[in-house]
Structure formats: C-alpha cells, structure tokens
Amino acid sequence: MKRLALLIAATGLVAATLPALAAGPGDAAMRRWKQADACVADATKKVPDHDAASQRKRDTLTNDCMKAHGLPPLTNVAPPETAQPAPAAPTAAPATTPPKPN
C-alpha cells in the first residue's frame, strides 16, 4: 500500500512539473519576439508617416515600449538628424576620340 501511495505521489509530482519543463528557453524567446513585434506595430500605428522626423518619433516610441517591457532597444531605423545627403557624382565630359591618321 505504501508503494502505491509513493507511486501516486511521484506520478502527481511529475505531472505537475511537466508543463514547467516543457516551457523552455524557446518559449521565453518567442514571448520576447512577440512583445517586440507588438511594440513596433503600436508605434507604426501611432506614427504612420515615413519621413525622417516621423521615423525618429517612431524609433523613440518603439524604444520606450521595449524599455517598459524589459527588452533591449532596437537599432535606429531613422537616419540621424545630422546626416547629410550624399554629394552627387560629378558628370563626366563626353569623351572625344582623336582623329585617326590616314
């Protein structure tokens, strides 16, 4: 009888801890990715424009949400304010070919 009680107790303990063992590091990573996606979607919904100022505002909203949920900030998508446009490539003069000798 004691063996049966011990077997039932052990089975109950295994059954109680099985879901905790199944929830491994992959599940935690998936929850973090899902929360990060939700932060980006929420910021995009609040600031839908795609100009540089809106992208900076969206980055700020996203990083604030990520910080509030204990996640690392994302790298900035918006170009920095001090970014200068690339200078245009100089146009080359049309090449002239020297006359061929006869």
PDB file of N, CA and C in Angstrom:
ATOM      1  N   MET A   1       0.814  -1.182   0.000  1.00  0.00           N
ATOM      2  CA  MET A   1       0.000   0.000   0.000  1.00  0.00           C
ATOM      3  C   MET A   1       0.862   1.253   0.000  1.00  0.00           C
ATOM      4  N   LYS A   2       1.991   1.196   0.746  1.00  0.00           N
ATOM      5  CA  LYS A   2       2.874   2.349   0.784  1.00  0.00           C
ATOM      6  C   LYS A   2       3.510   2.580  -0.588  1.00  0.00           C
ATOM      7  N   ARG A   3       3.784   1.491  -1.287  1.00  0.00           N
ATOM      8  CA  ARG A   3       4.366   1.627  -2.618  1.00  0.00           C
ATOM      9  C   ARG A   3       3.382   2.293  -3.570  1.00  0.00           C
ATOM     10  N   LEU A   4       2.125   1.933  -3.470  1.00  0.00           N
ATOM     11  CA  LEU A   4       1.107   2.532  -4.324  1.00  0.00           C
ATOM     12  C   LEU A   4       0.967   4.023  -4.016  1.00  0.00           C
ATOM     13  N   ALA A   5       0.981   4.397  -2.751  1.00  0.00           N
ATOM     14  CA  ALA A   5       0.886   5.810  -2.382  1.00  0.00           C
ATOM     15  C   ALA A   5       2.112   6.573  -2.867  1.00  0.00           C
ATOM     16  N   LEU A   6       3.283   5.950  -2.751  1.00  0.00           N
ATOM     17  CA  LEU A   6       4.510   6.588  -3.226  1.00  0.00           C
ATOM     18  C   LEU A   6       4.482   6.730  -4.749  1.00  0.00           C
ATOM     19  N   LEU A   7       3.987   5.739  -5.449  1.00  0.00           N
ATOM     20  CA  LEU A   7       3.882   5.793  -6.901  1.00  0.00           C
ATOM     21  C   LEU A   7       2.913   6.885  -7.336  1.00  0.00           C
ATOM     22  N   ILE A   8       1.789   6.990  -6.661  1.00  0.00           N
ATOM     23  CA  ILE A   8       0.800   8.032  -6.987  1.00  0.00           C
ATOM     24  C   ILE A   8       1.376   9.418  -6.709  1.00  0.00           C
ATOM     25  N   ALA A   9       2.087   9.576  -5.605  1.00  0.00           N
ATOM     26  CA  ALA A   9       2.696  10.864  -5.280  1.00  0.00           C
ATOM     27  C   ALA A   9       3.762  11.245  -6.307  1.00  0.00           C
ATOM     28  N   ALA A  10       4.571  10.279  -6.696  1.00  0.00           N
ATOM     29  CA  ALA A  10       5.616  10.555  -7.691  1.00  0.00           C
ATOM     30  C   ALA A  10       4.998  10.903  -9.040  1.00  0.00           C
ATOM     31  N   THR A  11       3.951  10.198  -9.432  1.00  0.00           N
ATOM     32  CA  THR A  11       3.267  10.473 -10.691  1.00  0.00           C
ATOM     33  C   THR A  11       2.646  11.870 -10.659  1.00  0.00           C
ATOM     34  N   GLY A  12       2.059  12.221  -9.536  1.00  0.00           N
ATOM     35  CA  GLY A  12       1.473  13.561  -9.399  1.00  0.00           C
ATOM     36  C   GLY A  12       2.528  14.655  -9.476  1.00  0.00           C
ATOM     37  N   LEU A  13       3.669  14.416  -8.870  1.00  0.00           N
ATOM     38  CA  LEU A  13       4.755  15.396  -8.912  1.00  0.00           C
ATOM     39  C   LEU A  13       5.284  15.569 -10.330  1.00  0.00           C
ATOM     40  N   VAL A  14       5.450  14.463 -11.043  1.00  0.00           N
ATOM     41  CA  VAL A  14       5.917  14.539 -12.426  1.00  0.00           C
ATOM     42  C   VAL A  14       4.887  15.253 -13.293  1.00  0.00           C
ATOM     43  N   ALA A  15       3.617  14.935 -13.096  1.00  0.00           N
ATOM     44  CA  ALA A  15       2.562  15.575 -13.889  1.00  0.00           C
ATOM     45  C   ALA A  15       2.480  17.075 -13.601  1.00  0.00           C
ATOM     46  N   ALA A  16       2.766  17.480 -12.382  1.00  0.00           N
ATOM     47  CA  ALA A  16       2.711  18.898 -12.030  1.00  0.00           C
ATOM     48  C   ALA A  16       3.891  19.678 -12.607  1.00  0.00           C
ATOM     49  N   THR A  17       5.054  19.034 -12.704  1.00  0.00           N
ATOM     50  CA  THR A  17       6.234  19.747 -13.194  1.00  0.00           C
ATOM     51  C   THR A  17       6.441  19.600 -14.692  1.00  0.00           C
ATOM     52  N   LEU A  18       5.707  18.749 -15.356  1.00  0.00           N
ATOM     53  CA  LEU A  18       5.883  18.535 -16.785  1.00  0.00           C
ATOM     54  C   LEU A  18       5.631  19.797 -17.611  1.00  0.00           C
ATOM     55  N   PRO A  19       4.562  20.569 -17.381  1.00  0.00           N
ATOM     56  CA  PRO A  19       4.384  21.801 -18.166  1.00  0.00           C
ATOM     57  C   PRO A  19       5.512  22.807 -17.949  1.00  0.00           C
ATOM     58  N   ALA A  20       6.042  22.887 -16.743  1.00  0.00           N
ATOM     59  CA  ALA A  20       7.141  23.813 -16.473  1.00  0.00           C
ATOM     60  C   ALA A  20       8.402  23.374 -17.216  1.00  0.00           C
ATOM     61  N   LEU A  21       8.615  22.083 -17.342  1.00  0.00           N
ATOM     62  CA  LEU A  21       9.778  21.595 -18.072  1.00  0.00           C
ATOM     63  C   LEU A  21       9.618  21.800 -19.577  1.00  0.00           C
ATOM     64  N   ALA A  22       8.383  21.718 -20.056  1.00  0.00           N
ATOM     65  CA  ALA A  22       8.138  21.889 -21.483  1.00  0.00           C
ATOM     66  C   ALA A  22       8.335  23.341 -21.904  1.00  0.00           C
ATOM     67  N   ALA A  23       8.093  24.294 -21.009  1.00  0.00           N
ATOM     68  CA  ALA A  23       8.269  25.710 -21.323  1.00  0.00           C
ATOM     69  C   ALA A  23       9.738  26.065 -21.142  1.00  0.00           C
ATOM     70  N   GLY A  24      10.503  25.844 -22.175  1.00  0.00           N
ATOM     71  CA  GLY A  24      11.942  26.081 -22.103  1.00  0.00           C
ATOM     72  C   GLY A  24      12.320  27.472 -22.564  1.00  0.00           C
ATOM     73  N   PRO A  25      13.591  27.675 -22.853  1.00  0.00           N
ATOM     74  CA  PRO A  25      14.062  28.991 -23.265  1.00  0.00           C
ATOM     75  C   PRO A  25      13.481  29.434 -24.607  1.00  0.00           C
ATOM     76  N   GLY A  26      13.079  28.501 -25.440  1.00  0.00           N
ATOM     77  CA  GLY A  26      12.469  28.869 -26.718  1.00  0.00           C
ATOM     78  C   GLY A  26      11.157  29.605 -26.536  1.00  0.00           C
ATOM     79  N   ASP A  27      10.375  29.193 -25.547  1.00  0.00           N
ATOM     80  CA  ASP A  27       9.107  29.863 -25.286  1.00  0.00           C
ATOM     81  C   ASP A  27       9.336  31.285 -24.792  1.00  0.00           C
ATOM     82  N   ALA A  28      10.322  31.478 -23.949  1.00  0.00           N
ATOM     83  CA  ALA A  28      10.617  32.821 -23.451  1.00  0.00           C
ATOM     84  C   ALA A  28      11.088  33.716 -24.593  1.00  0.00           C
ATOM     85  N   ALA A  29      11.887  33.172 -25.483  1.00  0.00           N
ATOM     86  CA  ALA A  29      12.353  33.948 -26.635  1.00  0.00           C
ATOM     87  C   ALA A  29      11.191  34.324 -27.539  1.00  0.00           C
ATOM     88  N   MET A  30      10.285  33.393 -27.743  1.00  0.00           N
ATOM     89  CA  MET A  30       9.123  33.690 -28.585  1.00  0.00           C
ATOM     90  C   MET A  30       8.248  34.772 -27.955  1.00  0.00           C
ATOM     91  N   ARG A  31       8.096  34.760 -26.631  1.00  0.00           N
ATOM     92  CA  ARG A  31       7.319  35.810 -25.962  1.00  0.00           C
ATOM     93  C   ARG A  31       7.991  37.165 -26.133  1.00  0.00           C
ATOM     94  N   ARG A  32       9.338  37.200 -26.054  1.00  0.00           N
ATOM     95  CA  ARG A  32      10.056  38.472 -26.233  1.00  0.00           C
ATOM     96  C   ARG A  32       9.916  38.981 -27.668  1.00  0.00           C
ATOM     97  N   TRP A  33      10.034  38.092 -28.645  1.00  0.00           N
ATOM     98  CA  TRP A  33       9.866  38.499 -30.034  1.00  0.00           C
ATOM     99  C   TRP A  33       8.449  39.010 -30.276  1.00  0.00           C
ATOM    100  N   LYS A  34       7.468  38.331 -29.708  1.00  0.00           N
ATOM    101  CA  LYS A  34       6.078  38.745 -29.897  1.00  0.00           C
ATOM    102  C   LYS A  34       5.848  40.127 -29.288  1.00  0.00           C
ATOM    103  N   GLN A  35       6.422  40.381 -28.113  1.00  0.00           N
ATOM    104  CA  GLN A  35       6.276  41.690 -27.486  1.00  0.00           C
ATOM    105  C   GLN A  35       6.997  42.765 -28.299  1.00  0.00           C
ATOM    106  N   ALA A  36       8.169  42.446 -28.830  1.00  0.00           N
ATOM    107  CA  ALA A  36       8.902  43.403 -29.661  1.00  0.00           C
ATOM    108  C   ALA A  36       8.092  43.740 -30.914  1.00  0.00           C
ATOM    109  N   ASP A  37       7.492  42.730 -31.537  1.00  0.00           N
ATOM    110  CA  ASP A  37       6.654  42.974 -32.707  1.00  0.00           C
ATOM    111  C   ASP A  37       5.453  43.840 -32.350  1.00  0.00           C
ATOM    112  N   ALA A  38       4.877  43.616 -31.171  1.00  0.00           N
ATOM    113  CA  ALA A  38       3.735  44.424 -30.737  1.00  0.00           C
ATOM    114  C   ALA A  38       4.157  45.880 -30.515  1.00  0.00           C
ATOM    115  N   CYS A  39       5.359  46.094 -29.976  1.00  0.00           N
ATOM    116  CA  CYS A  39       5.853  47.464 -29.773  1.00  0.00           C
ATOM    117  C   CYS A  39       6.032  48.181 -31.106  1.00  0.00           C
ATOM    118  N   VAL A  40       6.600  47.491 -32.078  1.00  0.00           N
ATOM    119  CA  VAL A  40       6.809  48.095 -33.398  1.00  0.00           C
ATOM    120  C   VAL A  40       5.473  48.383 -34.069  1.00  0.00           C
ATOM    121  N   ALA A  41       4.530  47.445 -33.986  1.00  0.00           N
ATOM    122  CA  ALA A  41       3.225  47.647 -34.610  1.00  0.00           C
ATOM    123  C   ALA A  41       2.480  48.805 -33.965  1.00  0.00           C
ATOM    124  N   ASP A  42       2.561  48.920 -32.643  1.00  0.00           N
ATOM    125  CA  ASP A  42       1.880  50.010 -31.946  1.00  0.00           C
ATOM    126  C   ASP A  42       2.480  51.359 -32.337  1.00  0.00           C
ATOM    127  N   ALA A  43       3.801  51.446 -32.406  1.00  0.00           N
ATOM    128  CA  ALA A  43       4.456  52.698 -32.785  1.00  0.00           C
ATOM    129  C   ALA A  43       4.135  53.055 -34.236  1.00  0.00           C
ATOM    130  N   THR A  44       4.076  52.060 -35.105  1.00  0.00           N
ATOM    131  CA  THR A  44       3.751  52.310 -36.509  1.00  0.00           C
ATOM    132  C   THR A  44       2.312  52.779 -36.659  1.00  0.00           C
ATOM    133  N   LYS A  45       1.429  52.246 -35.826  1.00  0.00           N
ATOM    134  CA  LYS A  45       0.032  52.662 -35.866  1.00  0.00           C
ATOM    135  C   LYS A  45      -0.120  54.110 -35.389  1.00  0.00           C
ATOM    136  N   LYS A  46       0.693  54.495 -34.390  1.00  0.00           N
ATOM    137  CA  LYS A  46       0.616  55.861 -33.862  1.00  0.00           C
ATOM    138  C   LYS A  46       1.255  56.871 -34.807  1.00  0.00           C
ATOM    139  N   VAL A  47       2.340  56.490 -35.490  1.00  0.00           N
ATOM    140  CA  VAL A  47       3.056  57.398 -36.387  1.00  0.00           C
ATOM    141  C   VAL A  47       3.233  56.681 -37.732  1.00  0.00           C
ATOM    142  N   PRO A  48       2.249  56.770 -38.626  1.00  0.00           N
ATOM    143  CA  PRO A  48       2.318  56.001 -39.869  1.00  0.00           C
ATOM    144  C   PRO A  48       3.156  56.637 -40.981  1.00  0.00           C
ATOM    145  N   ASP A  49       3.567  57.902 -40.848  1.00  0.00           N
ATOM    146  CA  ASP A  49       4.308  58.562 -41.922  1.00  0.00           C
ATOM    147  C   ASP A  49       5.721  57.998 -42.042  1.00  0.00           C
ATOM    148  N   HIS A  50       6.351  58.272 -43.188  1.00  0.00           N
ATOM    149  CA  HIS A  50       7.674  57.703 -43.441  1.00  0.00           C
ATOM    150  C   HIS A  50       8.750  58.752 -43.691  1.00  0.00           C
ATOM    151  N   ASP A  51       8.521  59.988 -43.277  1.00  0.00           N
ATOM    152  CA  ASP A  51       9.591  60.977 -43.412  1.00  0.00           C
ATOM    153  C   ASP A  51      10.552  60.833 -42.233  1.00  0.00           C
ATOM    154  N   ALA A  52      11.683  61.529 -42.293  1.00  0.00           N
ATOM    155  CA  ALA A  52      12.750  61.342 -41.301  1.00  0.00           C
ATOM    156  C   ALA A  52      12.284  61.685 -39.885  1.00  0.00           C
ATOM    157  N   ALA A  53      11.524  62.765 -39.723  1.00  0.00           N
ATOM    158  CA  ALA A  53      11.056  63.167 -38.386  1.00  0.00           C
ATOM    159  C   ALA A  53      10.112  62.116 -37.806  1.00  0.00           C
ATOM    160  N   SER A  54       9.235  61.568 -38.637  1.00  0.00           N
ATOM    161  CA  SER A  54       8.302  60.539 -38.162  1.00  0.00           C
ATOM    162  C   SER A  54       9.041  59.257 -37.808  1.00  0.00           C
ATOM    163  N   GLN A  55      10.066  58.932 -38.578  1.00  0.00           N
ATOM    164  CA  GLN A  55      10.838  57.727 -38.262  1.00  0.00           C
ATOM    165  C   GLN A  55      11.558  57.882 -36.929  1.00  0.00           C
ATOM    166  N   ARG A  56      12.092  59.072 -36.646  1.00  0.00           N
ATOM    167  CA  ARG A  56      12.738  59.290 -35.347  1.00  0.00           C
ATOM    168  C   ARG A  56      11.727  59.183 -34.214  1.00  0.00           C
ATOM    169  N   LYS A  57      10.520  59.732 -34.413  1.00  0.00           N
ATOM    170  CA  LYS A  57       9.485  59.652 -33.385  1.00  0.00           C
ATOM    171  C   LYS A  57       9.060  58.193 -33.179  1.00  0.00           C
ATOM    172  N   ARG A  58       8.940  57.449 -34.268  1.00  0.00           N
ATOM    173  CA  ARG A  58       8.563  56.037 -34.180  1.00  0.00           C
ATOM    174  C   ARG A  58       9.641  55.235 -33.456  1.00  0.00           C
ATOM    175  N   ASP A  59      10.911  55.533 -33.733  1.00  0.00           N
ATOM    176  CA  ASP A  59      12.008  54.873 -33.018  1.00  0.00           C
ATOM    177  C   ASP A  59      11.930  55.141 -31.520  1.00  0.00           C
ATOM    178  N   THR A  60      11.633  56.388 -31.162  1.00  0.00           N
ATOM    179  CA  THR A  60      11.528  56.738 -29.748  1.00  0.00           C
ATOM    180  C   THR A  60      10.381  55.991 -29.090  1.00  0.00           C
ATOM    181  N   LEU A  61       9.222  55.957 -29.742  1.00  0.00           N
ATOM    182  CA  LEU A  61       8.072  55.235 -29.184  1.00  0.00           C
ATOM    183  C   LEU A  61       8.377  53.737 -29.044  1.00  0.00           C
ATOM    184  N   THR A  62       9.009  53.173 -30.053  1.00  0.00           N
ATOM    185  CA  THR A  62       9.345  51.745 -30.009  1.00  0.00           C
ATOM    186  C   THR A  62      10.308  51.447 -28.873  1.00  0.00           C
ATOM    187  N   ASN A  63      11.359  52.248 -28.743  1.00  0.00           N
ATOM    188  CA  ASN A  63      12.349  52.002 -27.694  1.00  0.00           C
ATOM    189  C   ASN A  63      11.775  52.235 -26.303  1.00  0.00           C
ATOM    190  N   ASP A  64      10.850  53.196 -26.151  1.00  0.00           N
ATOM    191  CA  ASP A  64      10.189  53.395 -24.852  1.00  0.00           C
ATOM    192  C   ASP A  64       9.356  52.173 -24.480  1.00  0.00           C
ATOM    193  N   CYS A  65       8.638  51.623 -25.457  1.00  0.00           N
ATOM    194  CA  CYS A  65       7.830  50.422 -25.214  1.00  0.00           C
ATOM    195  C   CYS A  65       8.726  49.234 -24.868  1.00  0.00           C
ATOM    196  N   MET A  66       9.825  49.096 -25.612  1.00  0.00           N
ATOM    197  CA  MET A  66      10.746  47.989 -25.349  1.00  0.00           C
ATOM    198  C   MET A  66      11.340  48.105 -23.942  1.00  0.00           C
ATOM    199  N   LYS A  67      11.692  49.321 -23.547  1.00  0.00           N
ATOM    200  CA  LYS A  67      12.260  49.537 -22.212  1.00  0.00           C
ATOM    201  C   LYS A  67      11.230  49.223 -21.135  1.00  0.00           C
ATOM    202  N   ALA A  68       9.965  49.603 -21.378  1.00  0.00           N
ATOM    203  CA  ALA A  68       8.905  49.348 -20.401  1.00  0.00           C
ATOM    204  C   ALA A  68       8.671  47.848 -20.191  1.00  0.00           C
ATOM    205  N   HIS A  69       8.956  47.050 -21.210  1.00  0.00           N
ATOM    206  CA  HIS A  69       8.752  45.606 -21.103  1.00  0.00           C
ATOM    207  C   HIS A  69      10.048  44.850 -20.821  1.00  0.00           C
ATOM    208  N   GLY A  70      11.125  45.572 -20.502  1.00  0.00           N
ATOM    209  CA  GLY A  70      12.372  44.930 -20.138  1.00  0.00           C
ATOM    210  C   GLY A  70      13.117  44.314 -21.305  1.00  0.00           C
ATOM    211  N   LEU A  71      12.918  44.864 -22.497  1.00  0.00           N
ATOM    212  CA  LEU A  71      13.581  44.344 -23.687  1.00  0.00           C
ATOM    213  C   LEU A  71      14.670  45.318 -24.130  1.00  0.00           C
ATOM    214  N   PRO A  72      15.684  44.848 -24.839  1.00  0.00           N
ATOM    215  CA  PRO A  72      16.733  45.759 -25.305  1.00  0.00           C
ATOM    216  C   PRO A  72      16.197  46.651 -26.420  1.00  0.00           C
ATOM    217  N   PRO A  73      16.741  47.858 -26.540  1.00  0.00           N
ATOM    218  CA  PRO A  73      16.260  48.763 -27.595  1.00  0.00           C
ATOM    219  C   PRO A  73      16.654  48.245 -28.974  1.00  0.00           C
ATOM    220  N   LEU A  74      15.853  48.620 -29.945  1.00  0.00           N
ATOM    221  CA  LEU A  74      16.166  48.257 -31.320  1.00  0.00           C
ATOM    222  C   LEU A  74      17.162  49.256 -31.891  1.00  0.00           C
ATOM    223  N   THR A  75      17.854  48.856 -32.931  1.00  0.00           N
ATOM    224  CA  THR A  75      18.736  49.814 -33.591  1.00  0.00           C
ATOM    225  C   THR A  75      17.867  50.803 -34.346  1.00  0.00           C
ATOM    226  N   ASN A  76      18.352  52.000 -34.451  1.00  0.00           N
ATOM    227  CA  ASN A  76      17.551  53.053 -35.063  1.00  0.00           C
ATOM    228  C   ASN A  76      17.347  52.808 -36.550  1.00  0.00           C
ATOM    229  N   VAL A  77      16.107  53.019 -36.974  1.00  0.00           N
ATOM    230  CA  VAL A  77      15.754  52.889 -38.371  1.00  0.00           C
ATOM    231  C   VAL A  77      15.885  54.250 -39.045  1.00  0.00           C
ATOM    232  N   ALA A  78      15.562  55.284 -38.307  1.00  0.00           N
ATOM    233  CA  ALA A  78      15.591  56.631 -38.864  1.00  0.00           C
ATOM    234  C   ALA A  78      17.029  57.090 -39.074  1.00  0.00           C
ATOM    235  N   PRO A  79      17.249  57.858 -40.130  1.00  0.00           N
ATOM    236  CA  PRO A  79      18.584  58.413 -40.315  1.00  0.00           C
ATOM    237  C   PRO A  79      18.862  59.466 -39.254  1.00  0.00           C
ATOM    238  N   PRO A  80      20.099  59.648 -38.844  1.00  0.00           N
ATOM    239  CA  PRO A  80      20.399  60.666 -37.844  1.00  0.00           C
ATOM    240  C   PRO A  80      20.087  62.060 -38.385  1.00  0.00           C
ATOM    241  N   GLU A  81      19.796  62.971 -37.463  1.00  0.00           N
ATOM    242  CA  GLU A  81      19.432  64.329 -37.873  1.00  0.00           C
ATOM    243  C   GLU A  81      20.577  65.027 -38.587  1.00  0.00           C
ATOM    244  N   THR A  82      21.796  64.679 -38.260  1.00  0.00           N
ATOM    245  CA  THR A  82      22.947  65.351 -38.846  1.00  0.00           C
ATOM    246  C   THR A  82      23.386  64.725 -40.159  1.00  0.00           C
ATOM    247  N   ALA A  83      22.657  63.740 -40.622  1.00  0.00           N
ATOM    248  CA  ALA A  83      23.042  63.077 -41.867  1.00  0.00           C
ATOM    249  C   ALA A  83      22.896  64.039 -43.027  1.00  0.00           C
ATOM    250  N   GLN A  84      23.927  64.146 -43.819  1.00  0.00           N
ATOM    251  CA  GLN A  84      23.907  64.994 -44.998  1.00  0.00           C
ATOM    252  C   GLN A  84      23.661  64.116 -46.211  1.00  0.00           C
ATOM    253  N   PRO A  85      22.932  64.627 -47.187  1.00  0.00           N
ATOM    254  CA  PRO A  85      22.752  63.809 -48.388  1.00  0.00           C
ATOM    255  C   PRO A  85      24.090  63.625 -49.084  1.00  0.00           C
ATOM    256  N   ALA A  86      24.243  62.499 -49.714  1.00  0.00           N
ATOM    257  CA  ALA A  86      25.491  62.205 -50.416  1.00  0.00           C
ATOM    258  C   ALA A  86      25.648  63.161 -51.580  1.00  0.00           C
ATOM    259  N   PRO A  87      26.855  63.676 -51.789  1.00  0.00           N
ATOM    260  CA  PRO A  87      27.037  64.594 -52.915  1.00  0.00           C
ATOM    261  C   PRO A  87      26.843  63.849 -54.231  1.00  0.00           C
ATOM    262  N   ALA A  88      26.319  64.565 -55.184  1.00  0.00           N
ATOM    263  CA  ALA A  88      26.082  63.957 -56.495  1.00  0.00           C
ATOM    264  C   ALA A  88      27.420  63.695 -57.161  1.00  0.00           C
ATOM    265  N   ALA A  89      27.489  62.623 -57.885  1.00  0.00           N
ATOM    266  CA  ALA A  89      28.716  62.284 -58.603  1.00  0.00           C
ATOM    267  C   ALA A  89      28.910  63.290 -59.728  1.00  0.00           C
ATOM    268  N   PRO A  90      30.127  63.772 -59.913  1.00  0.00           N
ATOM    269  CA  PRO A  90      30.347  64.737 -60.998  1.00  0.00           C
ATOM    270  C   PRO A  90      30.097  64.072 -62.344  1.00  0.00           C
ATOM    271  N   THR A  91      29.498  64.850 -63.199  1.00  0.00           N
ATOM    272  CA  THR A  91      29.223  64.300 -64.522  1.00  0.00           C
ATOM    273  C   THR A  91      30.486  64.403 -65.352  1.00  0.00           C
ATOM    274  N   ALA A  92      30.793  63.374 -66.036  1.00  0.00           N
ATOM    275  CA  ALA A  92      31.997  63.344 -66.860  1.00  0.00           C
ATOM    276  C   ALA A  92      31.705  64.006 -68.199  1.00  0.00           C
ATOM    277  N   ALA A  93      32.682  64.733 -68.701  1.00  0.00           N
ATOM    278  CA  ALA A  93      32.539  65.361 -70.015  1.00  0.00           C
ATOM    279  C   ALA A  93      32.563  64.252 -71.063  1.00  0.00           C
ATOM    280  N   PRO A  94      31.844  64.431 -72.136  1.00  0.00           N
ATOM    281  CA  PRO A  94      31.857  63.390 -73.165  1.00  0.00           C
ATOM    282  C   PRO A  94      33.270  63.188 -73.705  1.00  0.00           C
ATOM    283  N   ALA A  95      33.607  61.961 -73.820  1.00  0.00           N
ATOM    284  CA  ALA A  95      34.950  61.628 -74.295  1.00  0.00           C
ATOM    285  C   ALA A  95      35.048  61.924 -75.782  1.00  0.00           C
ATOM    286  N   THR A  96      36.120  62.546 -76.163  1.00  0.00           N
ATOM    287  CA  THR A  96      36.352  62.819 -77.591  1.00  0.00           C
ATOM    288  C   THR A  96      37.458  61.895 -78.058  1.00  0.00           C
ATOM    289  N   THR A  97      37.290  61.362 -79.213  1.00  0.00           N
ATOM    290  CA  THR A  97      38.313  60.471 -79.753  1.00  0.00           C
ATOM    291  C   THR A  97      39.178  61.266 -80.721  1.00  0.00           C
ATOM    292  N   PRO A  98      40.485  61.077 -80.644  1.00  0.00           N
ATOM    293  CA  PRO A  98      41.364  61.807 -81.565  1.00  0.00           C
ATOM    294  C   PRO A  98      41.152  61.296 -82.999  1.00  0.00           C
ATOM    295  N   PRO A  99      41.369  62.146 -83.952  1.00  0.00           N
ATOM    296  CA  PRO A  99      41.196  61.699 -85.351  1.00  0.00           C
ATOM    297  C   PRO A  99      42.223  60.621 -85.720  1.00  0.00           C
ATOM    298  N   LYS A 100      41.782  59.692 -86.521  1.00  0.00           N
ATOM    299  CA  LYS A 100      42.646  58.586 -86.928  1.00  0.00           C
ATOM    300  C   LYS A 100      43.566  59.052 -88.064  1.00  0.00           C
ATOM    301  N   PRO A 101      44.835  58.659 -87.982  1.00  0.00           N
ATOM    302  CA  PRO A 101      45.726  59.029 -89.098  1.00  0.00           C
ATOM    303  C   PRO A 101      45.403  58.179 -90.345  1.00  0.00           C
ATOM    304  N   ASN A 102      45.602  58.788 -91.498  1.00  0.00           N
ATOM    305  CA  ASN A 102      45.318  58.100 -92.763  1.00  0.00           C
ATOM    306  C   ASN A 102      46.372  57.144 -93.091  1.00  0.00           C
TER     307      ASN A 102
END
